[in-house]
Amino acid sequence: VFMESAFLVAGIVLGGMGTVGGVLLGASILKLLPEKLRFFQDY
């Protein structure tokens, strides 16, 4: 769905566009946080 595309773009912006380490870091943060913050699901 569209939200997955939005998260991908946000991961690149968050980590740092045009870099390898930045994208890996941003993608890891945005994929890991929702899994570990399920108690915060509504927010």
ModelCIF file with pLDDT and N, C-alpha, C, O atoms, coordinates in Angstrom:
data_MODEL
#
_entry.id   MODEL 
#
_entity.id                         1 
_entity.type                       polymer 
_entity.pdbx_number_of_molecules   1 
#
_entity_poly.entity_id                      1 
_entity_poly.type                           'polypeptide(L)' 
_entity_poly.nstd_linkage                   no 
_entity_poly.nstd_monomer                   no 
_entity_poly.pdbx_seq_one_letter_code       VFMESAFLVAGIVLGGMGTVGGVLLGASILKLLPEKLRFFQDY 
_entity_poly.pdbx_seq_one_letter_code_can   VFMESAFLVAGIVLGGMGTVGGVLLGASILKLLPEKLRFFQDY 
_entity_poly.pdbx_strand_id                 A 
#
loop_
_entity_poly_seq.entity_id 
_entity_poly_seq.num 
_entity_poly_seq.mon_id 
_entity_poly_seq.hetero 
1 1  VAL n 
1 2  PHE n 
1 3  MET n 
1 4  GLU n 
1 5  SER n 
1 6  ALA n 
1 7  PHE n 
1 8  LEU n 
1 9  VAL n 
1 10 ALA n 
1 11 GLY n 
1 12 ILE n 
1 13 VAL n 
1 14 LEU n 
1 15 GLY n 
1 16 GLY n 
1 17 MET n 
1 18 GLY n 
1 19 THR n 
1 20 VAL n 
1 21 GLY n 
1 22 GLY n 
1 23 VAL n 
1 24 LEU n 
1 25 LEU n 
1 26 GLY n 
1 27 ALA n 
1 28 SER n 
1 29 ILE n 
1 30 LEU n 
1 31 LYS n 
1 32 LEU n 
1 33 LEU n 
1 34 PRO n 
1 35 GLU n 
1 36 LYS n 
1 37 LEU n 
1 38 ARG n 
1 39 PHE n 
1 40 PHE n 
1 41 GLN n 
1 42 ASP n 
1 43 TYR n 
#
_struct_asym.id          A 
_struct_asym.entity_id   1 
#
loop_
_ma_qa_metric.id 
_ma_qa_metric.mode 
_ma_qa_metric.name 
_ma_qa_metric.software_group_id 
_ma_qa_metric.type 
1 global pLDDT . pLDDT 
2 local  pLDDT . pLDDT 
#
_ma_qa_metric_global.metric_id      1 
_ma_qa_metric_global.metric_value   80.12 
_ma_qa_metric_global.model_id       1 
_ma_qa_metric_global.ordinal_id     1 
#
loop_
_ma_qa_metric_local.label_asym_id 
_ma_qa_metric_local.label_comp_id 
_ma_qa_metric_local.label_seq_id 
_ma_qa_metric_local.metric_id 
_ma_qa_metric_local.metric_value 
_ma_qa_metric_local.model_id 
_ma_qa_metric_local.ordinal_id 
A VAL 1  2 86.00 1 1  
A PHE 2  2 86.00 1 2  
A MET 3  2 84.00 1 3  
A GLU 4  2 84.00 1 4  
A SER 5  2 85.00 1 5  
A ALA 6  2 84.00 1 6  
A PHE 7  2 84.00 1 7  
A LEU 8  2 86.00 1 8  
A VAL 9  2 85.00 1 9  
A ALA 10 2 84.00 1 10 
A GLY 11 2 84.00 1 11 
A ILE 12 2 85.00 1 12 
A VAL 13 2 83.00 1 13 
A LEU 14 2 83.00 1 14 
A GLY 15 2 81.00 1 15 
A GLY 16 2 80.00 1 16 
A MET 17 2 79.00 1 17 
A GLY 18 2 76.00 1 18 
A THR 19 2 81.00 1 19 
A VAL 20 2 83.00 1 20 
A GLY 21 2 82.00 1 21 
A GLY 22 2 82.00 1 22 
A VAL 23 2 84.00 1 23 
A LEU 24 2 85.00 1 24 
A LEU 25 2 84.00 1 25 
A GLY 26 2 84.00 1 26 
A ALA 27 2 82.00 1 27 
A SER 28 2 83.00 1 28 
A ILE 29 2 82.00 1 29 
A LEU 30 2 82.00 1 30 
A LYS 31 2 81.00 1 31 
A LEU 32 2 79.00 1 32 
A LEU 33 2 77.00 1 33 
A PRO 34 2 76.00 1 34 
A GLU 35 2 76.00 1 35 
A LYS 36 2 75.00 1 36 
A LEU 37 2 74.00 1 37 
A ARG 38 2 71.00 1 38 
A PHE 39 2 67.00 1 39 
A PHE 40 2 67.00 1 40 
A GLN 41 2 66.00 1 41 
A ASP 42 2 70.00 1 42 
A TYR 43 2 73.00 1 43 
#
loop_
_atom_site.group_PDB 
_atom_site.id 
_atom_site.type_symbol 
_atom_site.label_atom_id 
_atom_site.label_alt_id 
_atom_site.label_comp_id 
_atom_site.label_asym_id 
_atom_site.label_entity_id 
_atom_site.label_seq_id 
_atom_site.pdbx_PDB_ins_code 
_atom_site.Cartn_x 
_atom_site.Cartn_y 
_atom_site.Cartn_z 
_atom_site.occupancy 
_atom_site.B_iso_or_equiv 
_atom_site.pdbx_formal_charge 
_atom_site.auth_seq_id 
_atom_site.auth_comp_id 
_atom_site.auth_asym_id 
_atom_site.auth_atom_id 
_atom_site.pdbx_PDB_model_num 
ATOM 1   N N  . VAL A 1 1  ? 0.844  -1.185 0.000  1.00 86.00 ? 1  VAL A N  1 
ATOM 2   C CA . VAL A 1 1  ? 0.000  0.000  0.000  1.00 86.00 ? 1  VAL A CA 1 
ATOM 3   C C  . VAL A 1 1  ? 0.887  1.246  0.000  1.00 86.00 ? 1  VAL A C  1 
ATOM 4   O O  . VAL A 1 1  ? 2.110  1.161  0.112  1.00 86.00 ? 1  VAL A O  1 
ATOM 5   N N  . PHE A 1 2  ? 0.239  2.399  -0.128 1.00 86.00 ? 2  PHE A N  1 
ATOM 6   C CA . PHE A 1 2  ? 0.974  3.660  -0.233 1.00 86.00 ? 2  PHE A CA 1 
ATOM 7   C C  . PHE A 1 2  ? 1.818  3.944  1.004  1.00 86.00 ? 2  PHE A C  1 
ATOM 8   O O  . PHE A 1 2  ? 2.910  4.499  0.881  1.00 86.00 ? 2  PHE A O  1 
ATOM 9   N N  . MET A 1 3  ? 1.342  3.577  2.192  1.00 84.00 ? 3  MET A N  1 
ATOM 10  C CA . MET A 1 3  ? 2.081  3.879  3.411  1.00 84.00 ? 3  MET A CA 1 
ATOM 11  C C  . MET A 1 3  ? 3.457  3.236  3.408  1.00 84.00 ? 3  MET A C  1 
ATOM 12  O O  . MET A 1 3  ? 4.399  3.785  3.977  1.00 84.00 ? 3  MET A O  1 
ATOM 13  N N  . GLU A 1 4  ? 3.582  2.067  2.768  1.00 84.00 ? 4  GLU A N  1 
ATOM 14  C CA . GLU A 1 4  ? 4.901  1.423  2.685  1.00 84.00 ? 4  GLU A CA 1 
ATOM 15  C C  . GLU A 1 4  ? 5.855  2.261  1.838  1.00 84.00 ? 4  GLU A C  1 
ATOM 16  O O  . GLU A 1 4  ? 7.033  2.385  2.172  1.00 84.00 ? 4  GLU A O  1 
ATOM 17  N N  . SER A 1 5  ? 5.359  2.832  0.756  1.00 85.00 ? 5  SER A N  1 
ATOM 18  C CA . SER A 1 5  ? 6.193  3.723  -0.057 1.00 85.00 ? 5  SER A CA 1 
ATOM 19  C C  . SER A 1 5  ? 6.585  4.966  0.734  1.00 85.00 ? 5  SER A C  1 
ATOM 20  O O  . SER A 1 5  ? 7.722  5.431  0.656  1.00 85.00 ? 5  SER A O  1 
ATOM 21  N N  . ALA A 1 6  ? 5.629  5.500  1.498  1.00 84.00 ? 6  ALA A N  1 
ATOM 22  C CA . ALA A 1 6  ? 5.920  6.684  2.311  1.00 84.00 ? 6  ALA A CA 1 
ATOM 23  C C  . ALA A 1 6  ? 6.999  6.376  3.341  1.00 84.00 ? 6  ALA A C  1 
ATOM 24  O O  . ALA A 1 6  ? 7.883  7.199  3.578  1.00 84.00 ? 6  ALA A O  1 
ATOM 25  N N  . PHE A 1 7  ? 6.933  5.199  3.954  1.00 84.00 ? 7  PHE A N  1 
ATOM 26  C CA . PHE A 1 7  ? 7.947  4.824  4.940  1.00 84.00 ? 7  PHE A CA 1 
ATOM 27  C C  . PHE A 1 7  ? 9.311  4.647  4.284  1.00 84.00 ? 7  PHE A C  1 
ATOM 28  O O  . PHE A 1 7  ? 10.331 4.984  4.886  1.00 84.00 ? 7  PHE A O  1 
ATOM 29  N N  . LEU A 1 8  ? 9.346  4.128  3.069  1.00 86.00 ? 8  LEU A N  1 
ATOM 30  C CA . LEU A 1 8  ? 10.619 3.981  2.360  1.00 86.00 ? 8  LEU A CA 1 
ATOM 31  C C  . LEU A 1 8  ? 11.262 5.341  2.099  1.00 86.00 ? 8  LEU A C  1 
ATOM 32  O O  . LEU A 1 8  ? 12.453 5.530  2.347  1.00 86.00 ? 8  LEU A O  1 
ATOM 33  N N  . VAL A 1 9  ? 10.463 6.289  1.596  1.00 85.00 ? 9  VAL A N  1 
ATOM 34  C CA . VAL A 1 9  ? 10.990 7.633  1.344  1.00 85.00 ? 9  VAL A CA 1 
ATOM 35  C C  . VAL A 1 9  ? 11.428 8.278  2.651  1.00 85.00 ? 9  VAL A C  1 
ATOM 36  O O  . VAL A 1 9  ? 12.474 8.925  2.706  1.00 85.00 ? 9  VAL A O  1 
ATOM 37  N N  . ALA A 1 10 ? 10.629 8.105  3.705  1.00 84.00 ? 10 ALA A N  1 
ATOM 38  C CA . ALA A 1 10 ? 10.982 8.695  4.992  1.00 84.00 ? 10 ALA A CA 1 
ATOM 39  C C  . ALA A 1 10 ? 12.264 8.094  5.550  1.00 84.00 ? 10 ALA A C  1 
ATOM 40  O O  . ALA A 1 10 ? 13.055 8.801  6.176  1.00 84.00 ? 10 ALA A O  1 
ATOM 41  N N  . GLY A 1 11 ? 12.481 6.800  5.333  1.00 84.00 ? 11 GLY A N  1 
ATOM 42  C CA . GLY A 1 11 ? 13.714 6.174  5.791  1.00 84.00 ? 11 GLY A CA 1 
ATOM 43  C C  . GLY A 1 11 ? 14.942 6.766  5.129  1.00 84.00 ? 11 GLY A C  1 
ATOM 44  O O  . GLY A 1 11 ? 15.977 6.944  5.771  1.00 84.00 ? 11 GLY A O  1 
ATOM 45  N N  . ILE A 1 12 ? 14.827 7.071  3.838  1.00 85.00 ? 12 ILE A N  1 
ATOM 46  C CA . ILE A 1 12 ? 15.949 7.681  3.116  1.00 85.00 ? 12 ILE A CA 1 
ATOM 47  C C  . ILE A 1 12 ? 16.201 9.097  3.616  1.00 85.00 ? 12 ILE A C  1 
ATOM 48  O O  . ILE A 1 12 ? 17.349 9.485  3.834  1.00 85.00 ? 12 ILE A O  1 
ATOM 49  N N  . VAL A 1 13 ? 15.138 9.866  3.798  1.00 83.00 ? 13 VAL A N  1 
ATOM 50  C CA . VAL A 1 13 ? 15.282 11.243 4.280  1.00 83.00 ? 13 VAL A CA 1 
ATOM 51  C C  . VAL A 1 13 ? 15.823 11.258 5.701  1.00 83.00 ? 13 VAL A C  1 
ATOM 52  O O  . VAL A 1 13 ? 16.675 12.081 6.035  1.00 83.00 ? 13 VAL A O  1 
ATOM 53  N N  . LEU A 1 14 ? 15.337 10.360 6.531  1.00 83.00 ? 14 LEU A N  1 
ATOM 54  C CA . LEU A 1 14 ? 15.766 10.306 7.928  1.00 83.00 ? 14 LEU A CA 1 
ATOM 55  C C  . LEU A 1 14 ? 17.242 9.928  8.037  1.00 83.00 ? 14 LEU A C  1 
ATOM 56  O O  . LEU A 1 14 ? 17.983 10.532 8.812  1.00 83.00 ? 14 LEU A O  1 
ATOM 57  N N  . GLY A 1 15 ? 17.665 8.938  7.266  1.00 81.00 ? 15 GLY A N  1 
ATOM 58  C CA . GLY A 1 15 ? 19.047 8.491  7.363  1.00 81.00 ? 15 GLY A CA 1 
ATOM 59  C C  . GLY A 1 15 ? 20.032 9.397  6.652  1.00 81.00 ? 15 GLY A C  1 
ATOM 60  O O  . GLY A 1 15 ? 21.133 9.631  7.149  1.00 81.00 ? 15 GLY A O  1 
ATOM 61  N N  . GLY A 1 16 ? 19.649 9.906  5.501  1.00 80.00 ? 16 GLY A N  1 
ATOM 62  C CA . GLY A 1 16 ? 20.561 10.737 4.721  1.00 80.00 ? 16 GLY A CA 1 
ATOM 63  C C  . GLY A 1 16 ? 20.561 10.305 3.262  1.00 80.00 ? 16 GLY A C  1 
ATOM 64  O O  . GLY A 1 16 ? 21.060 9.229  2.931  1.00 80.00 ? 16 GLY A O  1 
ATOM 65  N N  . MET A 1 17 ? 20.005 11.134 2.395  1.00 79.00 ? 17 MET A N  1 
ATOM 66  C CA . MET A 1 17 ? 19.866 10.778 0.985  1.00 79.00 ? 17 MET A CA 1 
ATOM 67  C C  . MET A 1 17 ? 21.230 10.671 0.308  1.00 79.00 ? 17 MET A C  1 
ATOM 68  O O  . MET A 1 17 ? 22.129 11.477 0.549  1.00 79.00 ? 17 MET A O  1 
ATOM 69  N N  . GLY A 1 18 ? 21.359 9.657  -0.543 1.00 76.00 ? 18 GLY A N  1 
ATOM 70  C CA . GLY A 1 18 ? 22.571 9.494  -1.333 1.00 76.00 ? 18 GLY A CA 1 
ATOM 71  C C  . GLY A 1 18 ? 23.697 8.764  -0.631 1.00 76.00 ? 18 GLY A C  1 
ATOM 72  O O  . GLY A 1 18 ? 24.780 8.633  -1.201 1.00 76.00 ? 18 GLY A O  1 
ATOM 73  N N  . THR A 1 19 ? 23.483 8.280  0.593  1.00 81.00 ? 19 THR A N  1 
ATOM 74  C CA . THR A 1 19 ? 24.520 7.560  1.323  1.00 81.00 ? 19 THR A CA 1 
ATOM 75  C C  . THR A 1 19 ? 24.071 6.130  1.591  1.00 81.00 ? 19 THR A C  1 
ATOM 76  O O  . THR A 1 19 ? 22.879 5.824  1.567  1.00 81.00 ? 19 THR A O  1 
ATOM 77  N N  . VAL A 1 20 ? 25.046 5.259  1.848  1.00 83.00 ? 20 VAL A N  1 
ATOM 78  C CA . VAL A 1 20 ? 24.741 3.859  2.142  1.00 83.00 ? 20 VAL A CA 1 
ATOM 79  C C  . VAL A 1 20 ? 24.393 3.692  3.616  1.00 83.00 ? 20 VAL A C  1 
ATOM 80  O O  . VAL A 1 20 ? 23.347 3.140  3.958  1.00 83.00 ? 20 VAL A O  1 
ATOM 81  N N  . GLY A 1 21 ? 25.279 4.172  4.483  1.00 82.00 ? 21 GLY A N  1 
ATOM 82  C CA . GLY A 1 21 ? 25.044 4.019  5.915  1.00 82.00 ? 21 GLY A CA 1 
ATOM 83  C C  . GLY A 1 21 ? 23.796 4.725  6.393  1.00 82.00 ? 21 GLY A C  1 
ATOM 84  O O  . GLY A 1 21 ? 23.081 4.208  7.251  1.00 82.00 ? 21 GLY A O  1 
ATOM 85  N N  . GLY A 1 22 ? 23.521 5.912  5.846  1.00 82.00 ? 22 GLY A N  1 
ATOM 86  C CA . GLY A 1 22 ? 22.344 6.656  6.255  1.00 82.00 ? 22 GLY A CA 1 
ATOM 87  C C  . GLY A 1 22 ? 21.052 5.935  5.917  1.00 82.00 ? 22 GLY A C  1 
ATOM 88  O O  . GLY A 1 22 ? 20.132 5.882  6.733  1.00 82.00 ? 22 GLY A O  1 
ATOM 89  N N  . VAL A 1 23 ? 20.982 5.376  4.704  1.00 84.00 ? 23 VAL A N  1 
ATOM 90  C CA . VAL A 1 23 ? 19.767 4.674  4.300  1.00 84.00 ? 23 VAL A CA 1 
ATOM 91  C C  . VAL A 1 23 ? 19.573 3.412  5.137  1.00 84.00 ? 23 VAL A C  1 
ATOM 92  O O  . VAL A 1 23 ? 18.454 3.103  5.546  1.00 84.00 ? 23 VAL A O  1 
ATOM 93  N N  . LEU A 1 24 ? 20.660 2.683  5.394  1.00 85.00 ? 24 LEU A N  1 
ATOM 94  C CA . LEU A 1 24 ? 20.551 1.481  6.226  1.00 85.00 ? 24 LEU A CA 1 
ATOM 95  C C  . LEU A 1 24 ? 20.071 1.841  7.633  1.00 85.00 ? 24 LEU A C  1 
ATOM 96  O O  . LEU A 1 24 ? 19.232 1.145  8.206  1.00 85.00 ? 24 LEU A O  1 
ATOM 97  N N  . LEU A 1 25 ? 20.607 2.930  8.182  1.00 84.00 ? 25 LEU A N  1 
ATOM 98  C CA . LEU A 1 25 ? 20.206 3.350  9.527  1.00 84.00 ? 25 LEU A CA 1 
ATOM 99  C C  . LEU A 1 25 ? 18.752 3.812  9.550  1.00 84.00 ? 25 LEU A C  1 
ATOM 100 O O  . LEU A 1 25 ? 17.989 3.397  10.422 1.00 84.00 ? 25 LEU A O  1 
ATOM 101 N N  . GLY A 1 26 ? 18.359 4.667  8.603  1.00 84.00 ? 26 GLY A N  1 
ATOM 102 C CA . GLY A 1 26 ? 16.992 5.166  8.566  1.00 84.00 ? 26 GLY A CA 1 
ATOM 103 C C  . GLY A 1 26 ? 15.974 4.063  8.348  1.00 84.00 ? 26 GLY A C  1 
ATOM 104 O O  . GLY A 1 26 ? 14.930 4.040  9.000  1.00 84.00 ? 26 GLY A O  1 
ATOM 105 N N  . ALA A 1 27 ? 16.275 3.138  7.423  1.00 82.00 ? 27 ALA A N  1 
ATOM 106 C CA . ALA A 1 27 ? 15.353 2.032  7.172  1.00 82.00 ? 27 ALA A CA 1 
ATOM 107 C C  . ALA A 1 27 ? 15.237 1.125  8.388  1.00 82.00 ? 27 ALA A C  1 
ATOM 108 O O  . ALA A 1 27 ? 14.150 0.640  8.704  1.00 82.00 ? 27 ALA A O  1 
ATOM 109 N N  . SER A 1 28 ? 16.351 0.895  9.069  1.00 83.00 ? 28 SER A N  1 
ATOM 110 C CA . SER A 1 28 ? 16.323 0.037  10.260 1.00 83.00 ? 28 SER A CA 1 
ATOM 111 C C  . SER A 1 28 ? 15.478 0.672  11.357 1.00 83.00 ? 28 SER A C  1 
ATOM 112 O O  . SER A 1 28 ? 14.699 -0.016 12.018 1.00 83.00 ? 28 SER A O  1 
ATOM 113 N N  . ILE A 1 29 ? 15.628 1.982  11.555 1.00 82.00 ? 29 ILE A N  1 
ATOM 114 C CA . ILE A 1 29 ? 14.861 2.666  12.605 1.00 82.00 ? 29 ILE A CA 1 
ATOM 115 C C  . ILE A 1 29 ? 13.362 2.599  12.309 1.00 82.00 ? 29 ILE A C  1 
ATOM 116 O O  . ILE A 1 29 ? 12.567 2.282  13.193 1.00 82.00 ? 29 ILE A O  1 
ATOM 117 N N  . LEU A 1 30 ? 12.979 2.897  11.070 1.00 82.00 ? 30 LEU A N  1 
ATOM 118 C CA . LEU A 1 30 ? 11.558 2.964  10.743 1.00 82.00 ? 30 LEU A CA 1 
ATOM 119 C C  . LEU A 1 30 ? 10.905 1.588  10.685 1.00 82.00 ? 30 LEU A C  1 
ATOM 120 O O  . LEU A 1 30 ? 9.691  1.474  10.850 1.00 82.00 ? 30 LEU A O  1 
ATOM 121 N N  . LYS A 1 31 ? 11.692 0.550  10.453 1.00 81.00 ? 31 LYS A N  1 
ATOM 122 C CA . LYS A 1 31 ? 11.123 -0.805 10.445 1.00 81.00 ? 31 LYS A CA 1 
ATOM 123 C C  . LYS A 1 31 ? 11.126 -1.412 11.839 1.00 81.00 ? 31 LYS A C  1 
ATOM 124 O O  . LYS A 1 31 ? 10.247 -2.204 12.177 1.00 81.00 ? 31 LYS A O  1 
ATOM 125 N N  . LEU A 1 32 ? 12.115 -1.041 12.650 1.00 79.00 ? 32 LEU A N  1 
ATOM 126 C CA . LEU A 1 32 ? 12.248 -1.634 13.971 1.00 79.00 ? 32 LEU A CA 1 
ATOM 127 C C  . LEU A 1 32 ? 11.298 -1.007 14.987 1.00 79.00 ? 32 LEU A C  1 
ATOM 128 O O  . LEU A 1 32 ? 10.714 -1.711 15.811 1.00 79.00 ? 32 LEU A O  1 
ATOM 129 N N  . LEU A 1 33 ? 11.143 0.317  14.931 1.00 77.00 ? 33 LEU A N  1 
ATOM 130 C CA . LEU A 1 33 ? 10.320 0.997  15.927 1.00 77.00 ? 33 LEU A CA 1 
ATOM 131 C C  . LEU A 1 33 ? 8.872  0.508  15.947 1.00 77.00 ? 33 LEU A C  1 
ATOM 132 O O  . LEU A 1 33 ? 8.350  0.255  17.033 1.00 77.00 ? 33 LEU A O  1 
ATOM 133 N N  . PRO A 1 34 ? 8.189  0.361  14.795 1.00 76.00 ? 34 PRO A N  1 
ATOM 134 C CA . PRO A 1 34 ? 6.801  -0.132 14.865 1.00 76.00 ? 34 PRO A CA 1 
ATOM 135 C C  . PRO A 1 34 ? 6.696  -1.530 15.469 1.00 76.00 ? 34 PRO A C  1 
ATOM 136 O O  . PRO A 1 34 ? 5.702  -1.851 16.120 1.00 76.00 ? 34 PRO A O  1 
ATOM 137 N N  . GLU A 1 35 ? 7.722  -2.368 15.255 1.00 76.00 ? 35 GLU A N  1 
ATOM 138 C CA . GLU A 1 35 ? 7.666  -3.720 15.802 1.00 76.00 ? 35 GLU A CA 1 
ATOM 139 C C  . GLU A 1 35 ? 7.832  -3.715 17.318 1.00 76.00 ? 35 GLU A C  1 
ATOM 140 O O  . GLU A 1 35 ? 7.216  -4.524 18.011 1.00 76.00 ? 35 GLU A O  1 
ATOM 141 N N  . LYS A 1 36 ? 8.655  -2.812 17.833 1.00 75.00 ? 36 LYS A N  1 
ATOM 142 C CA . LYS A 1 36 ? 8.923  -2.782 19.268 1.00 75.00 ? 36 LYS A CA 1 
ATOM 143 C C  . LYS A 1 36 ? 7.970  -1.873 20.039 1.00 75.00 ? 36 LYS A C  1 
ATOM 144 O O  . LYS A 1 36 ? 7.941  -1.914 21.269 1.00 75.00 ? 36 LYS A O  1 
ATOM 145 N N  . LEU A 1 37 ? 7.203  -1.068 19.347 1.00 74.00 ? 37 LEU A N  1 
ATOM 146 C CA . LEU A 1 37 ? 6.288  -0.136 20.019 1.00 74.00 ? 37 LEU A CA 1 
ATOM 147 C C  . LEU A 1 37 ? 4.840  -0.478 19.719 1.00 74.00 ? 37 LEU A C  1 
ATOM 148 O O  . LEU A 1 37 ? 4.024  0.406  19.462 1.00 74.00 ? 37 LEU A O  1 
ATOM 149 N N  . ARG A 1 38 ? 4.528  -1.765 19.754 1.00 71.00 ? 38 ARG A N  1 
ATOM 150 C CA . ARG A 1 38 ? 3.155  -2.182 19.465 1.00 71.00 ? 38 ARG A CA 1 
ATOM 151 C C  . ARG A 1 38 ? 2.171  -1.692 20.520 1.00 71.00 ? 38 ARG A C  1 
ATOM 152 O O  . ARG A 1 38 ? 0.990  -1.505 20.226 1.00 71.00 ? 38 ARG A O  1 
ATOM 153 N N  . PHE A 1 39 ? 2.650  -1.482 21.756 1.00 67.00 ? 39 PHE A N  1 
ATOM 154 C CA . PHE A 1 39 ? 1.767  -0.953 22.789 1.00 67.00 ? 39 PHE A CA 1 
ATOM 155 C C  . PHE A 1 39 ? 1.350  0.478  22.475 1.00 67.00 ? 39 PHE A C  1 
ATOM 156 O O  . PHE A 1 39 ? 0.389  0.997  23.043 1.00 67.00 ? 39 PHE A O  1 
ATOM 157 N N  . PHE A 1 40 ? 2.096  1.113  21.550 1.00 67.00 ? 40 PHE A N  1 
ATOM 158 C CA . PHE A 1 40 ? 1.824  2.491  21.150 1.00 67.00 ? 40 PHE A CA 1 
ATOM 159 C C  . PHE A 1 40 ? 1.151  2.521  19.776 1.00 67.00 ? 40 PHE A C  1 
ATOM 160 O O  . PHE A 1 40 ? 1.249  3.503  19.040 1.00 67.00 ? 40 PHE A O  1 
ATOM 161 N N  . GLN A 1 41 ? 0.461  1.411  19.447 1.00 66.00 ? 41 GLN A N  1 
ATOM 162 C CA . GLN A 1 41 ? -0.001 1.193  18.085 1.00 66.00 ? 41 GLN A CA 1 
ATOM 163 C C  . GLN A 1 41 ? -0.919 2.300  17.576 1.00 66.00 ? 41 GLN A C  1 
ATOM 164 O O  . GLN A 1 41 ? -0.808 2.714  16.422 1.00 66.00 ? 41 GLN A O  1 
ATOM 165 N N  . ASP A 1 42 ? -1.812 2.776  18.415 1.00 70.00 ? 42 ASP A N  1 
ATOM 166 C CA . ASP A 1 42 ? -2.776 3.788  17.968 1.00 70.00 ? 42 ASP A CA 1 
ATOM 167 C C  . ASP A 1 42 ? -2.126 5.140  17.714 1.00 70.00 ? 42 ASP A C  1 
ATOM 168 O O  . ASP A 1 42 ? -2.717 6.001  17.063 1.00 70.00 ? 42 ASP A O  1 
ATOM 169 N N  . TYR A 1 43 ? -0.918 5.329  18.222 1.00 73.00 ? 43 TYR A N  1 
ATOM 170 C CA . TYR A 1 43 ? -0.270 6.632  18.105 1.00 73.00 ? 43 TYR A CA 1 
ATOM 171 C C  . TYR A 1 43 ? 1.063  6.547  17.356 1.00 73.00 ? 43 TYR A C  1 
ATOM 172 O O  . TYR A 1 43 ? 1.734  7.562  17.173 1.00 73.00 ? 43 TYR A O  1 
#
